[in-house]
């Protein structure tokens, strides 16, 4: 899993669940972040498009 740090909240995330656009730069917001070994909603979840919300919801529910 490519690990990046969210510039907004400082959470650990990856390129699939953030607005990562430019290689080598951290994303500005994350839709999900990795906390204590599980995925949780990130700082940009509420503003994410339906596709990204659905993807994050599946990650979170998979961890429960």
PDB file of N, CA and C in Angstrom:
ATOM      1  N   UNK A   1       0.849  -1.177   0.000  1.00  0.00           N
ATOM      2  CA  UNK A   1       0.000   0.000   0.000  1.00  0.00           C
ATOM      3  C   UNK A   1       0.891   1.235   0.000  1.00  0.00           C
ATOM      4  N   UNK A   2       0.790   2.071  -1.022  1.00  0.00           N
ATOM      5  CA  UNK A   2       1.550   3.320  -1.012  1.00  0.00           C
ATOM      6  C   UNK A   2       1.040   4.213   0.120  1.00  0.00           C
ATOM      7  N   UNK A   3       1.914   4.583   1.014  1.00  0.00           N
ATOM      8  CA  UNK A   3       1.514   5.388   2.166  1.00  0.00           C
ATOM      9  C   UNK A   3       1.858   6.850   1.917  1.00  0.00           C
ATOM     10  N   UNK A   4       0.868   7.712   2.137  1.00  0.00           N
ATOM     11  CA  UNK A   4       1.057   9.157   2.039  1.00  0.00           C
ATOM     12  C   UNK A   4       0.423   9.797   3.265  1.00  0.00           C
ATOM     13  N   UNK A   5       0.773  11.033   3.525  1.00  0.00           N
ATOM     14  CA  UNK A   5       0.232  11.770   4.657  1.00  0.00           C
ATOM     15  C   UNK A   5      -0.697  12.853   4.152  1.00  0.00           C
ATOM     16  N   UNK A   6      -1.872  12.919   4.733  1.00  0.00           N
ATOM     17  CA  UNK A   6      -2.839  13.940   4.345  1.00  0.00           C
ATOM     18  C   UNK A   6      -2.341  15.310   4.806  1.00  0.00           C
ATOM     19  N   UNK A   7      -2.294  16.252   3.897  1.00  0.00           N
ATOM     20  CA  UNK A   7      -1.829  17.602   4.230  1.00  0.00           C
ATOM     21  C   UNK A   7      -2.800  18.344   5.125  1.00  0.00           C
ATOM     22  N   UNK A   8      -4.074  17.975   5.094  1.00  0.00           N
ATOM     23  CA  UNK A   8      -5.080  18.670   5.871  1.00  0.00           C
ATOM     24  C   UNK A   8      -5.124  18.203   7.328  1.00  0.00           C
ATOM     25  N   UNK A   9      -5.218  16.879   7.538  1.00  0.00           N
ATOM     26  CA  UNK A   9      -5.377  16.373   8.911  1.00  0.00           C
ATOM     27  C   UNK A   9      -4.148  15.655   9.444  1.00  0.00           C
ATOM     28  N   UNK A  10      -3.184  15.367   8.578  1.00  0.00           N
ATOM     29  CA  UNK A  10      -1.975  14.675   9.015  1.00  0.00           C
ATOM     30  C   UNK A  10      -2.139  13.177   9.152  1.00  0.00           C
ATOM     31  N   UNK A  11      -3.302  12.657   8.740  1.00  0.00           N
ATOM     32  CA  UNK A  11      -3.561  11.220   8.847  1.00  0.00           C
ATOM     33  C   UNK A  11      -2.787  10.416   7.814  1.00  0.00           C
ATOM     34  N   UNK A  12      -2.590   9.145   8.128  1.00  0.00           N
ATOM     35  CA  UNK A  12      -1.944   8.222   7.202  1.00  0.00           C
ATOM     36  C   UNK A  12      -3.008   7.673   6.268  1.00  0.00           C
ATOM     37  N   UNK A  13      -2.772   7.785   4.980  1.00  0.00           N
ATOM     38  CA  UNK A  13      -3.750   7.340   3.988  1.00  0.00           C
ATOM     39  C   UNK A  13      -2.999   6.702   2.829  1.00  0.00           C
ATOM     40  N   UNK A  14      -3.655   6.497   1.712  1.00  0.00           N
ATOM     41  CA  UNK A  14      -2.965   6.030   0.517  1.00  0.00           C
ATOM     42  C   UNK A  14      -3.551   6.704  -0.713  1.00  0.00           C
ATOM     43  N   UNK A  15      -2.978   6.416  -1.846  1.00  0.00           N
ATOM     44  CA  UNK A  15      -3.359   7.107  -3.072  1.00  0.00           C
ATOM     45  C   UNK A  15      -4.757   6.754  -3.536  1.00  0.00           C
ATOM     46  N   UNK A  16      -5.296   5.600  -3.131  1.00  0.00           N
ATOM     47  CA  UNK A  16      -6.622   5.175  -3.582  1.00  0.00           C
ATOM     48  C   UNK A  16      -7.757   5.858  -2.831  1.00  0.00           C
ATOM     49  N   UNK A  17      -7.510   6.312  -1.616  1.00  0.00           N
ATOM     50  CA  UNK A  17      -8.585   6.884  -0.801  1.00  0.00           C
ATOM     51  C   UNK A  17      -8.277   8.328  -0.385  1.00  0.00           C
ATOM     52  N   UNK A  18      -7.704   9.065  -1.329  1.00  0.00           N
ATOM     53  CA  UNK A  18      -7.420  10.480  -1.098  1.00  0.00           C
ATOM     54  C   UNK A  18      -7.489  11.198  -2.436  1.00  0.00           C
ATOM     55  N   UNK A  19      -7.335  12.501  -2.405  1.00  0.00           N
ATOM     56  CA  UNK A  19      -7.334  13.234  -3.676  1.00  0.00           C
ATOM     57  C   UNK A  19      -5.909  13.377  -4.209  1.00  0.00           C
ATOM     58  N   UNK A  20      -5.110  12.348  -4.022  1.00  0.00           N
ATOM     59  CA  UNK A  20      -3.733  12.294  -4.517  1.00  0.00           C
ATOM     60  C   UNK A  20      -3.734  12.483  -6.026  1.00  0.00           C
ATOM     61  N   UNK A  21      -3.041  13.514  -6.472  1.00  0.00           N
ATOM     62  CA  UNK A  21      -3.029  13.819  -7.904  1.00  0.00           C
ATOM     63  C   UNK A  21      -1.610  13.839  -8.453  1.00  0.00           C
ATOM     64  N   UNK A  22      -0.709  14.480  -7.755  1.00  0.00           N
ATOM     65  CA  UNK A  22       0.644  14.686  -8.254  1.00  0.00           C
ATOM     66  C   UNK A  22       1.630  13.755  -7.565  1.00  0.00           C
ATOM     67  N   UNK A  23       2.288  12.931  -8.355  1.00  0.00           N
ATOM     68  CA  UNK A  23       3.269  12.005  -7.804  1.00  0.00           C
ATOM     69  C   UNK A  23       4.330  12.784  -7.021  1.00  0.00           C
ATOM     70  N   UNK A  24       4.604  12.303  -5.820  1.00  0.00           N
ATOM     71  CA  UNK A  24       5.636  12.930  -5.007  1.00  0.00           C
ATOM     72  C   UNK A  24       5.125  14.002  -4.066  1.00  0.00           C
ATOM     73  N   UNK A  25       3.831  14.343  -4.163  1.00  0.00           N
ATOM     74  CA  UNK A  25       3.241  15.333  -3.259  1.00  0.00           C
ATOM     75  C   UNK A  25       2.122  14.681  -2.459  1.00  0.00           C
ATOM     76  N   UNK A  26       2.004  15.060  -1.194  1.00  0.00           N
ATOM     77  CA  UNK A  26       0.945  14.519  -0.357  1.00  0.00           C
ATOM     78  C   UNK A  26      -0.407  15.072  -0.788  1.00  0.00           C
ATOM     79  N   UNK A  27      -1.485  14.297  -0.563  1.00  0.00           N
ATOM     80  CA  UNK A  27      -2.821  14.774  -0.929  1.00  0.00           C
ATOM     81  C   UNK A  27      -3.282  15.897  -0.012  1.00  0.00           C
ATOM     82  N   UNK A  28      -4.190  16.716  -0.499  1.00  0.00           N
ATOM     83  CA  UNK A  28      -4.729  17.812   0.312  1.00  0.00           C
ATOM     84  C   UNK A  28      -5.805  17.324   1.267  1.00  0.00           C
ATOM     85  N   UNK A  29      -6.576  16.304   0.890  1.00  0.00           N
ATOM     86  CA  UNK A  29      -7.591  15.718   1.774  1.00  0.00           C
ATOM     87  C   UNK A  29      -7.595  14.203   1.600  1.00  0.00           C
ATOM     88  N   UNK A  30      -8.048  13.525   2.655  1.00  0.00           N
ATOM     89  CA  UNK A  30      -8.192  12.071   2.575  1.00  0.00           C
ATOM     90  C   UNK A  30      -9.663  11.723   2.765  1.00  0.00           C
ATOM     91  N   UNK A  31     -10.101  10.692   2.061  1.00  0.00           N
ATOM     92  CA  UNK A  31     -11.469  10.212   2.207  1.00  0.00           C
ATOM     93  C   UNK A  31     -11.532   9.129   3.290  1.00  0.00           C
ATOM     94  N   UNK A  32     -10.419   8.451   3.479  1.00  0.00           N
ATOM     95  CA  UNK A  32     -10.265   7.455   4.539  1.00  0.00           C
ATOM     96  C   UNK A  32      -8.842   7.537   5.051  1.00  0.00           C
ATOM     97  N   UNK A  33      -8.663   7.228   6.327  1.00  0.00           N
ATOM     98  CA  UNK A  33      -7.310   7.204   6.889  1.00  0.00           C
ATOM     99  C   UNK A  33      -7.160   5.976   7.763  1.00  0.00           C
ATOM    100  N   UNK A  34      -5.931   5.560   7.937  1.00  0.00           N
ATOM    101  CA  UNK A  34      -5.586   4.357   8.663  1.00  0.00           C
ATOM    102  C   UNK A  34      -5.263   4.746  10.098  1.00  0.00           C
ATOM    103  N   UNK A  35      -6.072   4.277  11.056  1.00  0.00           N
ATOM    104  CA  UNK A  35      -5.890   4.618  12.465  1.00  0.00           C
ATOM    105  C   UNK A  35      -5.913   3.332  13.290  1.00  0.00           C
ATOM    106  N   UNK A  36      -4.838   3.077  13.997  1.00  0.00           N
ATOM    107  CA  UNK A  36      -4.749   1.903  14.875  1.00  0.00           C
ATOM    108  C   UNK A  36      -5.140   0.601  14.178  1.00  0.00           C
ATOM    109  N   UNK A  37      -4.707   0.455  12.935  1.00  0.00           N
ATOM    110  CA  UNK A  37      -4.924  -0.788  12.206  1.00  0.00           C
ATOM    111  C   UNK A  37      -6.258  -0.958  11.509  1.00  0.00           C
ATOM    112  N   UNK A  38      -7.069   0.102  11.467  1.00  0.00           N
ATOM    113  CA  UNK A  38      -8.352   0.030  10.761  1.00  0.00           C
ATOM    114  C   UNK A  38      -8.583   1.302   9.951  1.00  0.00           C
ATOM    115  N   UNK A  39      -9.405   1.188   8.924  1.00  0.00           N
ATOM    116  CA  UNK A  39      -9.790   2.348   8.125  1.00  0.00           C
ATOM    117  C   UNK A  39     -10.923   3.087   8.822  1.00  0.00           C
ATOM    118  N   UNK A  40     -10.839   4.418   8.840  1.00  0.00           N
ATOM    119  CA  UNK A  40     -11.901   5.280   9.360  1.00  0.00           C
ATOM    120  C   UNK A  40     -12.135   6.398   8.347  1.00  0.00           C
ATOM    121  N   UNK A  41     -13.250   7.105   8.483  1.00  0.00           N
ATOM    122  CA  UNK A  41     -13.530   8.215   7.579  1.00  0.00           C
ATOM    123  C   UNK A  41     -12.458   9.281   7.732  1.00  0.00           C
ATOM    124  N   UNK A  42     -12.017   9.817   6.596  1.00  0.00           N
ATOM    125  CA  UNK A  42     -11.006  10.862   6.594  1.00  0.00           C
ATOM    126  C   UNK A  42     -11.616  12.250   6.593  1.00  0.00           C
ATOM    127  N   UNK A  43     -10.760  13.252   6.594  1.00  0.00           N
ATOM    128  CA  UNK A  43     -11.213  14.640   6.696  1.00  0.00           C
ATOM    129  C   UNK A  43     -12.016  15.100   5.483  1.00  0.00           C
ATOM    130  N   UNK A  44     -11.857  14.457   4.343  1.00  0.00           N
ATOM    131  CA  UNK A  44     -12.581  14.857   3.142  1.00  0.00           C
ATOM    132  C   UNK A  44     -13.765  13.975   2.805  1.00  0.00           C
ATOM    133  N   UNK A  45     -14.108  13.057   3.696  1.00  0.00           N
ATOM    134  CA  UNK A  45     -15.190  12.106   3.402  1.00  0.00           C
ATOM    135  C   UNK A  45     -16.507  12.809   3.083  1.00  0.00           C
ATOM    136  N   UNK A  46     -16.899  13.773   3.893  1.00  0.00           N
ATOM    137  CA  UNK A  46     -18.197  14.436   3.701  1.00  0.00           C
ATOM    138  C   UNK A  46     -18.316  15.141   2.356  1.00  0.00           C
ATOM    139  N   UNK A  47     -17.210  15.595   1.785  1.00  0.00           N
ATOM    140  CA  UNK A  47     -17.222  16.298   0.507  1.00  0.00           C
ATOM    141  C   UNK A  47     -16.866  15.397  -0.673  1.00  0.00           C
ATOM    142  N   UNK A  48     -16.645  14.119  -0.413  1.00  0.00           N
ATOM    143  CA  UNK A  48     -16.258  13.188  -1.481  1.00  0.00           C
ATOM    144  C   UNK A  48     -17.439  12.909  -2.403  1.00  0.00           C
ATOM    145  N   UNK A  49     -17.126  12.549  -3.638  1.00  0.00           N
ATOM    146  CA  UNK A  49     -18.179  12.186  -4.579  1.00  0.00           C
ATOM    147  C   UNK A  49     -18.748  10.810  -4.199  1.00  0.00           C
ATOM    148  N   UNK A  50     -19.917  10.467  -4.716  1.00  0.00           N
ATOM    149  CA  UNK A  50     -20.570   9.204  -4.336  1.00  0.00           C
ATOM    150  C   UNK A  50     -19.704   7.957  -4.563  1.00  0.00           C
ATOM    151  N   UNK A  51     -18.919   7.944  -5.630  1.00  0.00           N
ATOM    152  CA  UNK A  51     -18.058   6.789  -5.905  1.00  0.00           C
ATOM    153  C   UNK A  51     -17.042   6.599  -4.787  1.00  0.00           C
ATOM    154  N   UNK A  52     -16.361   7.673  -4.401  1.00  0.00           N
ATOM    155  CA  UNK A  52     -15.351   7.573  -3.354  1.00  0.00           C
ATOM    156  C   UNK A  52     -15.975   7.247  -1.996  1.00  0.00           C
ATOM    157  N   UNK A  53     -17.145   7.813  -1.703  1.00  0.00           N
ATOM    158  CA  UNK A  53     -17.831   7.487  -0.445  1.00  0.00           C
ATOM    159  C   UNK A  53     -18.175   5.998  -0.398  1.00  0.00           C
ATOM    160  N   UNK A  54     -18.666   5.465  -1.491  1.00  0.00           N
ATOM    161  CA  UNK A  54     -19.016   4.057  -1.554  1.00  0.00           C
ATOM    162  C   UNK A  54     -17.792   3.177  -1.321  1.00  0.00           C
ATOM    163  N   UNK A  55     -16.685   3.535  -1.941  1.00  0.00           N
ATOM    164  CA  UNK A  55     -15.436   2.787  -1.787  1.00  0.00           C
ATOM    165  C   UNK A  55     -14.976   2.812  -0.332  1.00  0.00           C
ATOM    166  N   UNK A  56     -15.014   3.983   0.289  1.00  0.00           N
ATOM    167  CA  UNK A  56     -14.603   4.125   1.688  1.00  0.00           C
ATOM    168  C   UNK A  56     -15.548   3.347   2.603  1.00  0.00           C
ATOM    169  N   UNK A  57     -16.842   3.437   2.359  1.00  0.00           N
ATOM    170  CA  UNK A  57     -17.804   2.708   3.178  1.00  0.00           C
ATOM    171  C   UNK A  57     -17.529   1.205   3.144  1.00  0.00           C
ATOM    172  N   UNK A  58     -17.172   0.682   1.985  1.00  0.00           N
ATOM    173  CA  UNK A  58     -16.843  -0.736   1.876  1.00  0.00           C
ATOM    174  C   UNK A  58     -15.588  -1.077   2.666  1.00  0.00           C
ATOM    175  N   UNK A  59     -14.584  -0.204   2.624  1.00  0.00           N
ATOM    176  CA  UNK A  59     -13.361  -0.427   3.415  1.00  0.00           C
ATOM    177  C   UNK A  59     -13.664  -0.441   4.903  1.00  0.00           C
ATOM    178  N   UNK A  60     -14.434   0.530   5.344  1.00  0.00           N
ATOM    179  CA  UNK A  60     -14.746   0.642   6.770  1.00  0.00           C
ATOM    180  C   UNK A  60     -15.560  -0.566   7.237  1.00  0.00           C
ATOM    181  N   UNK A  61     -16.570  -0.945   6.466  1.00  0.00           N
ATOM    182  CA  UNK A  61     -17.410  -2.071   6.855  1.00  0.00           C
ATOM    183  C   UNK A  61     -16.665  -3.396   6.811  1.00  0.00           C
ATOM    184  N   UNK A  62     -15.693  -3.502   5.925  1.00  0.00           N
ATOM    185  CA  UNK A  62     -14.875  -4.705   5.825  1.00  0.00           C
ATOM    186  C   UNK A  62     -14.044  -4.885   7.096  1.00  0.00           C
ATOM    187  N   UNK A  63     -13.620  -3.773   7.689  1.00  0.00           N
ATOM    188  CA  UNK A  63     -12.776  -3.803   8.882  1.00  0.00           C
ATOM    189  C   UNK A  63     -13.565  -4.127  10.143  1.00  0.00           C
ATOM    190  N   UNK A  64     -14.875  -3.871  10.127  1.00  0.00           N
ATOM    191  CA  UNK A  64     -15.679  -4.064  11.347  1.00  0.00           C
ATOM    192  C   UNK A  64     -15.964  -5.529  11.607  1.00  0.00           C
TER     193      UNK A  64
END
